[in-house]
Amino acid sequence: MTVRTSSEVPYRALVEHSPEATFVVRAGRIVFMNASAVRMFGAPSAEALLGTDVLDRQLEKLLNEEQ
């Protein structure tokens, strides 16, 4: 484990267990999301959304809220 990696451990745990929806996007694709974000998007798991286009997910969420 590198110094950087070991210093990330407490922060990663904080984000993963946060009640706030948190997700990371690179090049328009979701690369990380915590359990709160999974619930916000209404997905069965993070794996179901990883690699998908974040704008598509946001549009789906907005359309579902209007119904």
Protein backbone atom coordinates (compact mmCIF):
# COMPACT_ATOMS: atom_id res chain seq x y z
CA MET A 1 0.00 0.00 0.00
CA THR A 2 1.43 3.40 -0.94
CA VAL A 3 1.32 6.45 1.30
CA ARG A 4 -1.35 7.99 -0.92
CA THR A 5 -3.47 4.85 -0.88
CA SER A 6 -3.23 4.43 2.88
CA SER A 7 -4.21 8.06 3.41
CA GLU A 8 -7.26 7.55 1.18
CA VAL A 9 -8.69 4.76 3.33
CA PRO A 10 -10.43 6.94 5.96
CA TYR A 11 -11.77 9.34 3.31
CA ARG A 12 -13.07 6.53 1.13
CA ALA A 13 -14.87 5.01 4.14
CA LEU A 14 -16.36 8.43 4.96
CA VAL A 15 -17.70 8.84 1.42
CA GLU A 16 -18.94 5.26 1.15
CA HIS A 17 -20.96 5.57 4.37
CA SER A 18 -22.14 9.14 3.90
CA PRO A 19 -25.90 9.76 3.93
CA GLU A 20 -25.30 12.23 1.09
CA ALA A 21 -25.38 10.91 -2.47
CA THR A 22 -21.84 11.06 -3.81
CA PHE A 23 -20.62 9.96 -7.20
CA VAL A 24 -17.55 10.54 -9.35
CA VAL A 25 -17.72 11.16 -13.09
CA ARG A 26 -14.84 10.91 -15.55
CA ALA A 27 -15.31 11.73 -19.21
CA GLY A 28 -19.08 11.81 -18.66
CA ARG A 29 -19.23 8.29 -17.20
CA ILE A 30 -19.96 7.28 -13.61
CA VAL A 31 -16.84 5.65 -12.14
CA PHE A 32 -17.80 5.56 -8.45
CA MET A 33 -20.94 5.96 -6.39
CA ASN A 34 -21.85 5.38 -2.78
CA ALA A 35 -24.97 3.59 -1.51
CA SER A 36 -26.84 6.89 -1.11
CA ALA A 37 -26.27 7.69 -4.79
CA VAL A 38 -27.46 4.21 -5.76
CA ARG A 39 -30.71 4.88 -3.86
CA MET A 40 -31.03 8.36 -5.38
CA PHE A 41 -30.81 6.92 -8.89
CA GLY A 42 -33.12 4.04 -7.96
CA ALA A 43 -30.63 1.45 -9.15
CA PRO A 44 -30.34 -2.11 -7.82
CA SER A 45 -26.58 -1.68 -7.27
CA ALA A 46 -23.64 0.59 -8.04
CA GLU A 47 -22.42 -1.94 -10.59
CA ALA A 48 -25.63 -1.41 -12.57
CA LEU A 49 -24.65 2.23 -13.16
CA LEU A 50 -20.86 2.21 -13.29
CA GLY A 51 -19.66 3.15 -16.75
CA THR A 52 -22.98 4.67 -17.78
CA ASP A 53 -23.45 8.23 -18.99
CA VAL A 54 -24.26 10.51 -16.06
CA LEU A 55 -26.47 12.79 -18.17
CA ASP A 56 -28.64 9.83 -19.16
CA ARG A 57 -29.05 8.94 -15.47
CA GLN A 58 -29.92 12.51 -14.49
CA LEU A 59 -32.49 12.74 -17.29
CA GLU A 60 -34.09 9.46 -16.21
CA LYS A 61 -34.22 10.67 -12.60
CA LEU A 62 -35.86 13.96 -13.57
CA LEU A 63 -38.42 12.23 -15.78
CA ASN A 64 -39.29 9.76 -13.02
CA GLU A 65 -39.79 12.59 -10.50
CA GLU A 66 -42.27 14.32 -12.82
CA GLN A 67 -44.54 11.27 -13.00
